C-alpha atoms as a PDB file:
ATOM      1  CA  MET A   1      13.241  11.050 -10.492  1.00  0.00           C
ATOM      2  CA  ILE A   2      14.790   7.990  -8.081  1.00  0.00           C
ATOM      3  CA  ARG A   3      16.517   9.358  -4.974  1.00  0.00           C
ATOM      4  CA  LYS A   4      17.251   7.235  -3.105  1.00  0.00           C
ATOM      5  CA  ALA A   5      18.482   3.681  -3.331  1.00  0.00           C
ATOM      6  CA  VAL A   6      18.342   0.039  -1.490  1.00  0.00           C
ATOM      7  CA  ILE A   7      21.825  -2.672  -0.992  1.00  0.00           C
ATOM      8  CA  PRO A   8      20.354  -6.063   0.293  1.00  0.00           C
ATOM      9  CA  ALA A   9      23.551  -7.762   1.986  1.00  0.00           C
ATOM     10  CA  ALA A  10      22.418  -9.619   4.071  1.00  0.00           C
ATOM     11  CA  GLY A  11      23.260 -13.313   3.058  1.00  0.00           C
ATOM     12  CA  SER A  12      25.351 -15.674   4.841  1.00  0.00           C
ATOM     13  CA  GLY A  13      27.444 -16.055   2.451  1.00  0.00           C
ATOM     14  CA  THR A  14      28.500 -19.695   3.111  1.00  0.00           C
ATOM     15  CA  ARG A  15      29.531 -20.634  -0.040  1.00  0.00           C
ATOM     16  CA  PHE A  16      32.926 -18.640   0.703  1.00  0.00           C
ATOM     17  CA  LEU A  17      33.626 -20.367   4.263  1.00  0.00           C
ATOM     18  CA  PRO A  18      35.952 -20.052   5.741  1.00  0.00           C
ATOM     19  CA  ALA A  19      36.075 -16.533   4.327  1.00  0.00           C
ATOM     20  CA  SER A  20      33.124 -15.717   5.079  1.00  0.00           C
ATOM     21  CA  LYS A  21      32.694 -16.792   8.598  1.00  0.00           C
ATOM     22  CA  ALA A  22      34.219 -13.673  10.413  1.00  0.00           C
ATOM     23  CA  GLN A  23      33.655 -10.788   7.414  1.00  0.00           C
ATOM     24  CA  PRO A  24      31.144 -10.265   4.840  1.00  0.00           C
ATOM     25  CA  LYS A  25      31.428 -12.045   1.585  1.00  0.00           C
ATOM     26  CA  GLU A  26      29.741  -8.467   0.518  1.00  0.00           C
ATOM     27  CA  MET A  27      33.598  -7.267   1.317  1.00  0.00           C
ATOM     28  CA  LEU A  28      35.533  -9.789  -0.467  1.00  0.00           C
ATOM     29  CA  PRO A  29      37.859  -7.601  -2.333  1.00  0.00           C
ATOM     30  CA  VAL A  30      38.245  -8.181  -5.581  1.00  0.00           C
ATOM     31  CA  ILE A  31      41.898  -6.512  -6.308  1.00  0.00           C
ATOM     32  CA  ASP A  32      41.448  -4.388  -3.408  1.00  0.00           C
ATOM     33  CA  THR A  33      38.774  -3.065  -3.346  1.00  0.00           C
ATOM     34  CA  PRO A  34      35.379  -4.628  -1.680  1.00  0.00           C
ATOM     35  CA  VAL A  35      32.374  -5.928  -4.290  1.00  0.00           C
ATOM     36  CA  ILE A  36      30.054  -4.161  -2.322  1.00  0.00           C
ATOM     37  CA  GLN A  37      32.046  -0.881  -3.243  1.00  0.00           C
ATOM     38  CA  TYR A  38      31.654  -1.219  -6.835  1.00  0.00           C
ATOM     39  CA  VAL A  39      27.475  -1.590  -5.915  1.00  0.00           C
ATOM     40  CA  VAL A  40      27.868   1.825  -3.626  1.00  0.00           C
ATOM     41  CA  GLN A  41      29.794   3.725  -6.154  1.00  0.00           C
ATOM     42  CA  GLU A  42      27.388   2.277  -9.506  1.00  0.00           C
ATOM     43  CA  ALA A  43      24.208   4.095  -7.494  1.00  0.00           C
ATOM     44  CA  VAL A  44      26.396   7.390  -6.775  1.00  0.00           C
ATOM     45  CA  ASP A  45      27.408   7.283 -10.019  1.00  0.00           C
ATOM     46  CA  ALA A  46      23.568   6.943 -11.491  1.00  0.00           C
ATOM     47  CA  GLY A  47      22.830  10.187  -9.040  1.00  0.00           C
ATOM     48  CA  ILE A  48      22.099   8.230  -5.880  1.00  0.00           C
ATOM     49  CA  ASP A  49      23.305   9.556  -2.362  1.00  0.00           C
ATOM     50  CA  ASP A  50      20.974   8.307  -0.158  1.00  0.00           C
ATOM     51  CA  ILE A  51      21.400   4.698   0.307  1.00  0.00           C
ATOM     52  CA  LEU A  52      19.861   2.216   2.755  1.00  0.00           C
ATOM     53  CA  ILE A  53      22.033  -1.216   3.199  1.00  0.00           C
ATOM     54  CA  ILE A  54      20.368  -4.280   4.730  1.00  0.00           C
ATOM     55  CA  THR A  55      22.642  -6.109   6.142  1.00  0.00           C
ATOM     56  CA  GLY A  56      22.586  -8.718   9.174  1.00  0.00           C
ATOM     57  CA  ARG A  57      24.414 -10.226  12.156  1.00  0.00           C
ATOM     58  CA  GLY A  58      28.033 -10.691  11.789  1.00  0.00           C
ATOM     59  CA  LYS A  59      27.397  -7.263   8.476  1.00  0.00           C
ATOM     60  CA  ARG A  60      29.240  -4.308  10.838  1.00  0.00           C
ATOM     61  CA  ALA A  61      32.518  -4.717   8.356  1.00  0.00           C
ATOM     62  CA  ILE A  62      30.317  -2.670   6.003  1.00  0.00           C
ATOM     63  CA  GLU A  63      29.226  -0.274   8.570  1.00  0.00           C
ATOM     64  CA  ASP A  64      32.830   0.478   8.789  1.00  0.00           C
ATOM     65  CA  HIS A  65      34.858   0.526   5.603  1.00  0.00           C
ATOM     66  CA  PHE A  66      31.961   3.339   4.865  1.00  0.00           C
ATOM     67  CA  ASP A  67      32.960   5.219   7.858  1.00  0.00           C
ATOM     68  CA  ARG A  68      35.870   8.409   8.562  1.00  0.00           C
ATOM     69  CA  ASN A  69      38.373   6.254   9.908  1.00  0.00           C
ATOM     70  CA  VAL A  70      40.592   9.637  11.144  1.00  0.00           C
ATOM     71  CA  GLU A  71      43.046   7.740  12.782  1.00  0.00           C
ATOM     72  CA  LEU A  72      43.979   6.653   9.148  1.00  0.00           C
ATOM     73  CA  GLU A  73      43.250  10.058   7.622  1.00  0.00           C
ATOM     74  CA  TRP A  74      45.813  10.964   9.594  1.00  0.00           C
ATOM     75  CA  LEU A  75      48.605   8.432   9.313  1.00  0.00           C
ATOM     76  CA  LEU A  76      48.131   9.256   5.372  1.00  0.00           C
ATOM     77  CA  GLU A  77      48.442  12.546   5.900  1.00  0.00           C
ATOM     78  CA  ASP A  78      51.688  12.730   8.246  1.00  0.00           C
ATOM     79  CA  LYS A  79      53.344   9.991   5.421  1.00  0.00           C
ATOM     80  CA  GLU A  80      52.280  13.050   2.524  1.00  0.00           C
ATOM     81  CA  ASP A  81      50.786  10.138   0.850  1.00  0.00           C
ATOM     82  CA  GLU A  82      48.002  12.368  -1.067  1.00  0.00           C
ATOM     83  CA  LYS A  83      46.771   9.637  -3.415  1.00  0.00           C
ATOM     84  CA  TRP A  84      45.440   7.273  -0.598  1.00  0.00           C
ATOM     85  CA  TYR A  85      44.352   9.823   1.601  1.00  0.00           C
ATOM     86  CA  ASN A  86      42.103  11.153  -0.429  1.00  0.00           C
ATOM     87  CA  GLU A  87      40.966   8.018  -1.592  1.00  0.00           C
ATOM     88  CA  ILE A  88      40.212   6.806   2.081  1.00  0.00           C
ATOM     89  CA  ARG A  89      38.792  10.208   2.154  1.00  0.00           C
ATOM     90  CA  ARG A  90      36.527   9.449  -0.613  1.00  0.00           C
ATOM     91  CA  ILE A  91      34.988   6.544   0.658  1.00  0.00           C
ATOM     92  CA  GLY A  92      33.988   8.169   3.647  1.00  0.00           C
ATOM     93  CA  ASP A  93      31.896  10.330   1.479  1.00  0.00           C
ATOM     94  CA  MET A  94      30.444   8.527  -1.192  1.00  0.00           C
ATOM     95  CA  ALA A  95      27.254   9.069   0.194  1.00  0.00           C
ATOM     96  CA  SER A  96      24.730   9.630   2.761  1.00  0.00           C
ATOM     97  CA  ILE A  97      24.958   5.931   3.683  1.00  0.00           C
ATOM     98  CA  HIS A  98      21.875   3.933   6.889  1.00  0.00           C
ATOM     99  CA  TYR A  99      21.704   0.567   7.874  1.00  0.00           C
ATOM    100  CA  ILE A 100      19.141  -2.121   9.675  1.00  0.00           C
ATOM    101  CA  ARG A 101      19.131  -5.415   9.902  1.00  0.00           C
ATOM    102  CA  GLN A 102      17.515  -8.001   8.643  1.00  0.00           C
ATOM    103  CA  LYS A 103      16.475  -9.859  10.920  1.00  0.00           C
ATOM    104  CA  GLU A 104      16.033 -13.252  10.089  1.00  0.00           C
ATOM    105  CA  LEU A 105      17.948 -14.561   6.489  1.00  0.00           C
ATOM    106  CA  ARG A 106      14.048 -15.230   4.950  1.00  0.00           C
ATOM    107  CA  GLY A 107      14.501 -13.572   1.751  1.00  0.00           C
ATOM    108  CA  LEU A 108      15.303 -11.099  -0.880  1.00  0.00           C
ATOM    109  CA  GLY A 109      11.345 -10.161  -0.374  1.00  0.00           C
ATOM    110  CA  ASP A 110      11.864 -10.109   3.395  1.00  0.00           C
ATOM    111  CA  ALA A 111      15.233  -7.702   2.955  1.00  0.00           C
ATOM    112  CA  ILE A 112      13.540  -5.169   0.447  1.00  0.00           C
ATOM    113  CA  SER A 113      10.543  -4.615   3.050  1.00  0.00           C
ATOM    114  CA  TYR A 114      12.582  -3.825   5.707  1.00  0.00           C
ATOM    115  CA  ALA A 115      13.160  -0.958   3.231  1.00  0.00           C
ATOM    116  CA  ARG A 116       8.984   0.436   3.221  1.00  0.00           C
ATOM    117  CA  ARG A 117       9.579   3.278   6.276  1.00  0.00           C
ATOM    118  CA  HIS A 118      13.328   4.380   4.551  1.00  0.00           C
ATOM    119  CA  VAL A 119      12.030   4.643   0.682  1.00  0.00           C
ATOM    120  CA  GLY A 120       8.099   5.894   1.948  1.00  0.00           C
ATOM    121  CA  ASP A 121       6.190   6.237  -1.021  1.00  0.00           C
ATOM    122  CA  GLU A 122       9.125   6.841  -3.543  1.00  0.00           C
ATOM    123  CA  PRO A 123      10.174   4.557  -6.245  1.00  0.00           C
ATOM    124  CA  PHE A 124      13.312   3.339  -5.701  1.00  0.00           C
ATOM    125  CA  ALA A 125      16.139   1.366  -6.829  1.00  0.00           C
ATOM    126  CA  VAL A 126      17.471  -2.050  -6.052  1.00  0.00           C
ATOM    127  CA  LEU A 127      21.004  -3.400  -5.864  1.00  0.00           C
ATOM    128  CA  LEU A 128      22.102  -6.519  -4.707  1.00  0.00           C
ATOM    129  CA  GLY A 129      25.547  -6.380  -2.965  1.00  0.00           C
ATOM    130  CA  ASP A 130      26.683  -9.384  -3.958  1.00  0.00           C
ATOM    131  CA  THR A 131      26.907  -8.107  -8.023  1.00  0.00           C
ATOM    132  CA  ILE A 132      29.286  -5.857  -9.978  1.00  0.00           C
ATOM    133  CA  ILE A 133      27.900  -5.196 -13.685  1.00  0.00           C
ATOM    134  CA  ASP A 134      30.823  -2.849 -15.464  1.00  0.00           C
ATOM    135  CA  SER A 135      29.706  -1.081 -17.658  1.00  0.00           C
ATOM    136  CA  VAL A 136      29.307   2.615 -19.428  1.00  0.00           C
ATOM    137  CA  ILE A 137      26.641   3.750 -18.389  1.00  0.00           C
ATOM    138  CA  PRO A 138      25.895   2.482 -14.606  1.00  0.00           C
ATOM    139  CA  VAL A 139      23.197   0.277 -15.170  1.00  0.00           C
ATOM    140  CA  THR A 140      21.506   1.622 -12.491  1.00  0.00           C
ATOM    141  CA  GLN A 141      20.929   5.034 -14.614  1.00  0.00           C
ATOM    142  CA  GLN A 142      20.009   2.799 -17.997  1.00  0.00           C
ATOM    143  CA  LEU A 143      17.188   1.773 -14.829  1.00  0.00           C
ATOM    144  CA  ILE A 144      16.169   5.804 -14.650  1.00  0.00           C
ATOM    145  CA  ASP A 145      16.295   6.331 -17.866  1.00  0.00           C
ATOM    146  CA  ILE A 146      13.565   3.699 -18.710  1.00  0.00           C
ATOM    147  CA  TYR A 147      11.967   4.062 -15.562  1.00  0.00           C
ATOM    148  CA  GLU A 148      11.166   8.348 -16.236  1.00  0.00           C
ATOM    149  CA  GLN A 149       9.623   6.855 -20.105  1.00  0.00           C
ATOM    150  CA  TYR A 150       7.638   4.046 -18.510  1.00  0.00           C
ATOM    151  CA  ARG A 151       6.825   5.408 -14.477  1.00  0.00           C
ATOM    152  CA  GLN A 152       6.579   2.192 -13.746  1.00  0.00           C
ATOM    153  CA  CYS A 153       8.644  -1.330 -12.039  1.00  0.00           C
ATOM    154  CA  ILE A 154      12.259  -1.700 -14.109  1.00  0.00           C
ATOM    155  CA  VAL A 155      13.645  -5.214 -14.234  1.00  0.00           C
ATOM    156  CA  ALA A 156      17.699  -5.368 -15.714  1.00  0.00           C
ATOM    157  CA  VAL A 157      17.742  -8.706 -16.908  1.00  0.00           C
ATOM    158  CA  GLU A 158      20.673 -10.830 -18.916  1.00  0.00           C
ATOM    159  CA  ARG A 159      20.378 -13.430 -21.650  1.00  0.00           C
ATOM    160  CA  VAL A 160      21.839 -16.441 -20.299  1.00  0.00           C
ATOM    161  CA  ASP A 161      22.384 -20.262 -21.746  1.00  0.00           C
ATOM    162  CA  ARG A 162      18.848 -21.567 -21.201  1.00  0.00           C
ATOM    163  CA  ALA A 163      21.162 -25.002 -19.988  1.00  0.00           C
ATOM    164  CA  ARG A 164      21.446 -22.584 -16.783  1.00  0.00           C
ATOM    165  CA  VAL A 165      17.878 -21.023 -16.516  1.00  0.00           C
ATOM    166  CA  SER A 166      16.910 -23.490 -12.748  1.00  0.00           C
ATOM    167  CA  ARG A 167      19.988 -20.554 -12.021  1.00  0.00           C
ATOM    168  CA  TYR A 168      17.860 -17.658 -12.049  1.00  0.00           C
ATOM    169  CA  GLY A 169      14.532 -15.607 -11.914  1.00  0.00           C
ATOM    170  CA  ILE A 170      13.100 -15.973 -15.315  1.00  0.00           C
ATOM    171  CA  VAL A 171      10.782 -13.261 -17.489  1.00  0.00           C
ATOM    172  CA  GLY A 172       8.796 -13.941 -20.207  1.00  0.00           C
ATOM    173  CA  GLY A 173       7.156 -11.189 -22.292  1.00  0.00           C
ATOM    174  CA  SER A 174       6.584  -8.682 -25.187  1.00  0.00           C
ATOM    175  CA  ASP A 175       9.851  -7.496 -26.589  1.00  0.00           C
ATOM    176  CA  LEU A 176       9.138  -4.274 -27.303  1.00  0.00           C
ATOM    177  CA  GLY A 177      12.783  -2.839 -28.881  1.00  0.00           C
ATOM    178  CA  ASN A 178      15.591  -1.224 -27.728  1.00  0.00           C
ATOM    179  CA  ASN A 179      15.982  -4.080 -25.152  1.00  0.00           C
ATOM    180  CA  ILE A 180      13.393  -2.968 -23.539  1.00  0.00           C
ATOM    181  CA  TRP A 181      10.690  -5.917 -23.124  1.00  0.00           C
ATOM    182  CA  GLU A 182       6.934  -5.851 -21.291  1.00  0.00           C
ATOM    183  CA  ILE A 183       6.621  -8.773 -18.703  1.00  0.00           C
ATOM    184  CA  ALA A 184       4.218 -11.023 -18.681  1.00  0.00           C
ATOM    185  CA  GLU A 185       4.958 -13.344 -16.683  1.00  0.00           C
ATOM    186  CA  LEU A 186       7.979 -13.507 -13.907  1.00  0.00           C
ATOM    187  CA  VAL A 187       9.242 -17.917 -12.609  1.00  0.00           C
ATOM    188  CA  GLU A 188      11.827 -18.166 -10.046  1.00  0.00           C
ATOM    189  CA  LYS A 189      14.511 -20.908 -11.409  1.00  0.00           C
ATOM    190  CA  PRO A 190      12.247 -22.773 -13.540  1.00  0.00           C
ATOM    191  CA  ASP A 191      13.333 -25.995 -14.967  1.00  0.00           C
ATOM    192  CA  VAL A 192      14.810 -25.497 -18.494  1.00  0.00           C
ATOM    193  CA  ASP A 193      11.976 -27.297 -19.787  1.00  0.00           C
ATOM    194  CA  ALA A 194       9.519 -25.227 -18.670  1.00  0.00           C
ATOM    195  CA  SER A 195      11.517 -21.542 -18.755  1.00  0.00           C
ATOM    196  CA  PRO A 196       9.490 -18.822 -20.599  1.00  0.00           C
ATOM    197  CA  SER A 197      13.175 -16.977 -21.724  1.00  0.00           C
ATOM    198  CA  ASP A 198      16.423 -16.711 -21.935  1.00  0.00           C
ATOM    199  CA  LEU A 199      15.900 -13.714 -20.029  1.00  0.00           C
ATOM    200  CA  ALA A 200      17.224 -14.204 -16.541  1.00  0.00           C
ATOM    201  CA  VAL A 201      17.249 -11.367 -13.809  1.00  0.00           C
ATOM    202  CA  ALA A 202      20.641  -9.824 -13.273  1.00  0.00           C
ATOM    203  CA  GLY A 203      20.159  -8.144  -9.389  1.00  0.00           C
ATOM    204  CA  ARG A 204      18.983  -5.022 -10.409  1.00  0.00           C
ATOM    205  CA  TYR A 205      15.847  -2.742  -9.866  1.00  0.00           C
ATOM    206  CA  ILE A 206      13.454  -0.312 -10.112  1.00  0.00           C
ATOM    207  CA  LEU A 207      10.536  -0.967  -7.988  1.00  0.00           C
ATOM    208  CA  THR A 208       7.854   0.761  -6.384  1.00  0.00           C
ATOM    209  CA  PRO A 209       6.401   1.773  -3.450  1.00  0.00           C
ATOM    210  CA  GLU A 210       3.223  -0.844  -4.558  1.00  0.00           C
ATOM    211  CA  ILE A 211       5.939  -3.725  -4.284  1.00  0.00           C
ATOM    212  CA  PHE A 212       5.762  -3.692  -0.014  1.00  0.00           C
ATOM    213  CA  LYS A 213       1.890  -4.231  -0.601  1.00  0.00           C
ATOM    214  CA  ALA A 214       2.527  -7.047  -2.499  1.00  0.00           C
ATOM    215  CA  LEU A 215       5.672  -9.036  -0.560  1.00  0.00           C
ATOM    216  CA  GLU A 216       2.360  -8.536   1.994  1.00  0.00           C
ATOM    217  CA  ILE A 217       0.607 -11.350   0.369  1.00  0.00           C
ATOM    218  CA  THR A 218       3.926 -13.064  -1.189  1.00  0.00           C
ATOM    219  CA  GLU A 219       3.809 -16.339   0.365  1.00  0.00           C
ATOM    220  CA  GLN A 220       7.370 -18.013   1.822  1.00  0.00           C
ATOM    221  CA  GLY A 221       9.033 -20.478  -0.882  1.00  0.00           C
ATOM    222  CA  LYS A 222      10.073 -24.040  -0.152  1.00  0.00           C
ATOM    223  CA  LYS A 223      12.999 -22.778   1.408  1.00  0.00           C
ATOM    224  CA  GLY A 224      11.387 -20.678   3.794  1.00  0.00           C
ATOM    225  CA  GLU A 225      12.283 -17.453   2.275  1.00  0.00           C
ATOM    226  CA  ILE A 226      10.152 -14.752   0.673  1.00  0.00           C
ATOM    227  CA  GLU A 227      11.267 -14.084  -3.172  1.00  0.00           C
ATOM    228  CA  LEU A 228      11.494 -10.743  -4.904  1.00  0.00           C
ATOM    229  CA  THR A 229      10.491 -12.605  -8.350  1.00  0.00           C
ATOM    230  CA  ASP A 230       7.439 -13.933  -6.617  1.00  0.00           C
ATOM    231  CA  ALA A 231       5.652 -10.960  -4.928  1.00  0.00           C
ATOM    232  CA  LEU A 232       6.680  -8.758  -8.865  1.00  0.00           C
ATOM    233  CA  HIS A 233       4.338 -11.883  -9.836  1.00  0.00           C
ATOM    234  CA  HIS A 234       1.354 -10.717  -7.795  1.00  0.00           C
ATOM    235  CA  LEU A 235       2.654  -7.562  -8.755  1.00  0.00           C
ATOM    236  CA  LEU A 236       2.188  -7.996 -12.197  1.00  0.00           C
ATOM    237  CA  LYS A 237      -2.158  -8.666 -11.684  1.00  0.00           C
ATOM    238  CA  ARG A 238      -2.364  -4.729 -10.999  1.00  0.00           C
ATOM    239  CA  GLU A 239       0.447  -3.173 -12.866  1.00  0.00           C
ATOM    240  CA  ARG A 240       2.899  -2.919 -15.256  1.00  0.00           C
ATOM    241  CA  ILE A 241       6.661  -4.331 -15.343  1.00  0.00           C
ATOM    242  CA  TYR A 242       8.920  -4.191 -18.360  1.00  0.00           C
ATOM    243  CA  ALA A 243      12.531  -5.613 -18.114  1.00  0.00           C
ATOM    244  CA  HIS A 244      15.427  -4.040 -19.667  1.00  0.00           C
ATOM    245  CA  ILE A 245      18.482  -5.873 -21.232  1.00  0.00           C
ATOM    246  CA  ILE A 246      21.268  -4.692 -19.518  1.00  0.00           C
ATOM    247  CA  GLU A 247      24.070  -3.084 -21.351  1.00  0.00           C
ATOM    248  CA  GLY A 248      27.525  -4.267 -19.552  1.00  0.00           C
ATOM    249  CA  LYS A 249      28.634  -7.175 -17.981  1.00  0.00           C
ATOM    250  CA  ARG A 250      27.575  -8.851 -14.709  1.00  0.00           C
ATOM    251  CA  TYR A 251      29.727 -10.597 -12.888  1.00  0.00           C
ATOM    252  CA  ASP A 252      27.735 -12.545  -9.680  1.00  0.00           C
ATOM    253  CA  ILE A 253      30.139 -13.451  -7.137  1.00  0.00           C
ATOM    254  CA  GLY A 254      27.823 -15.216  -5.357  1.00  0.00           C
ATOM    255  CA  ASN A 255      30.630 -18.335  -5.354  1.00  0.00           C
ATOM    256  CA  LYS A 256      34.079 -18.998  -5.439  1.00  0.00           C
ATOM    257  CA  ILE A 257      34.502 -20.302  -9.498  1.00  0.00           C
ATOM    258  CA  ASP A 258      32.445 -16.774 -10.154  1.00  0.00           C
ATOM    259  CA  TYR A 259      34.931 -14.842  -7.972  1.00  0.00           C
ATOM    260  CA  LEU A 260      37.798 -16.271  -9.448  1.00  0.00           C
ATOM    261  CA  LYS A 261      36.866 -15.127 -13.035  1.00  0.00           C
ATOM    262  CA  THR A 262      35.775 -11.858 -11.593  1.00  0.00           C
ATOM    263  CA  THR A 263      39.442 -10.914 -10.261  1.00  0.00           C
ATOM    264  CA  VAL A 264      41.087 -11.988 -13.250  1.00  0.00           C
ATOM    265  CA  GLU A 265      39.394  -9.592 -15.541  1.00  0.00           C
ATOM    266  CA  PHE A 266      39.390  -7.026 -13.581  1.00  0.00           C
ATOM    267  CA  ALA A 267      42.924  -7.172 -12.620  1.00  0.00           C
ATOM    268  CA  LEU A 268      43.614  -7.301 -16.285  1.00  0.00           C
ATOM    269  CA  LYS A 269      41.696  -3.901 -16.557  1.00  0.00           C
ATOM    270  CA  ARG A 270      44.204  -1.877 -13.987  1.00  0.00           C
ATOM    271  CA  LYS A 271      46.542  -0.617 -16.339  1.00  0.00           C
ATOM    272  CA  GLU A 272      49.475  -0.464 -13.610  1.00  0.00           C
ATOM    273  CA  PHE A 273      49.565  -4.363 -13.678  1.00  0.00           C
ATOM    274  CA  SER A 274      47.805  -5.712 -16.678  1.00  0.00           C
ATOM    275  CA  GLU A 275      50.880  -5.830 -18.601  1.00  0.00           C
ATOM    276  CA  GLU A 276      52.531  -7.779 -15.883  1.00  0.00           C
ATOM    277  CA  PHE A 277      49.494  -9.878 -14.811  1.00  0.00           C
ATOM    278  CA  LEU A 278      48.577 -11.187 -18.439  1.00  0.00           C
ATOM    279  CA  GLU A 279      52.675 -12.233 -19.255  1.00  0.00           C
ATOM    280  CA  TYR A 280      52.413 -14.265 -15.769  1.00  0.00           C
ATOM    281  CA  LEU A 281      48.974 -16.126 -17.174  1.00  0.00           C
ATOM    282  CA  LYS A 282      49.885 -16.612 -20.352  1.00  0.00           C
ATOM    283  CA  GLY A 283      53.020 -18.263 -18.964  1.00  0.00           C
ATOM    284  CA  ILE A 284      50.931 -20.712 -16.638  1.00  0.00           C
ATOM    285  CA  VAL A 285      48.618 -21.937 -19.253  1.00  0.00           C
ATOM    286  CA  ALA A 286      52.241 -22.824 -21.660  1.00  0.00           C
ATOM    287  CA  SER A 287      53.237 -24.552 -19.011  1.00  0.00           C
ATOM    288  CA  LEU A 288      50.444 -26.325 -19.091  1.00  0.00           C
ATOM    289  CA  SER A 289      50.453 -27.096 -21.615  1.00  0.00           C
ATOM    290  CA  GLU A 290      53.451 -28.627 -22.393  1.00  0.00           C
ATOM    291  CA  ASP A 291      52.576 -30.617 -19.119  1.00  0.00           C
ATOM    292  CA  SER A 292      49.423 -32.428 -20.784  1.00  0.00           C
ATOM    293  CA  GLY A 293      51.212 -32.836 -24.060  1.00  0.00           C
ATOM    294  CA  VAL A 294      49.416 -29.910 -26.048  1.00  0.00           C
END
């Protein structure tokens, strides 16, 4: 059984400057909910209530968000605003959330190494703090179900346009059916011609404690960072690793254009204003078409 989750959220977020100068990029809202709250909710929906968030300098807002805010609760209670009172209380009670700082920004693999003492000898889930996945069954739950079958590391993957494989960690291997692959190789940001497949790592993992031994022998990459993909490559020499093609849609909030697309798509899913917002978008498209003479 997977009881613990680790959420790396220590990145500097330079692609979101100036907004990320004084607040974590993980706290940027998609409509009215911070990105990282979607991630925590996914872990909770998968039955995990013990969560370690790896933070860094300037990330205190994440801790404050998941803490109780008694003064705000009193204010909402005085206003008899039951809806938001209950929601604010729920956020503060979502899970048992712990925090540790990554002292230097030395990559995802290094961030995961900070979880060693917290997870101990247990397998654990990893959810990237800037990636939302919209799915009927939480992707973390999908991975847990497969872990229960194989008892080995499970990596969430999705198919991407081969022209874009150089942006991702890519896996290659054997198709076992039912969206499960046995991994034979993992390559971090390969050239298009050298990519083993179009299966890109999708920001969710189930890892065994053996990953920490692999991280110990993983060398820094060209940017001075320790990549989790490289550590998994080492681990692959000692045990099997499986990939699961996710059932859901991944939203990488790693750059501004993807953030804008995510906001629009999530707005169209919100019943309270989706119809009005859709009409607004149609009006903009019509106006642009007229201006361009199309």
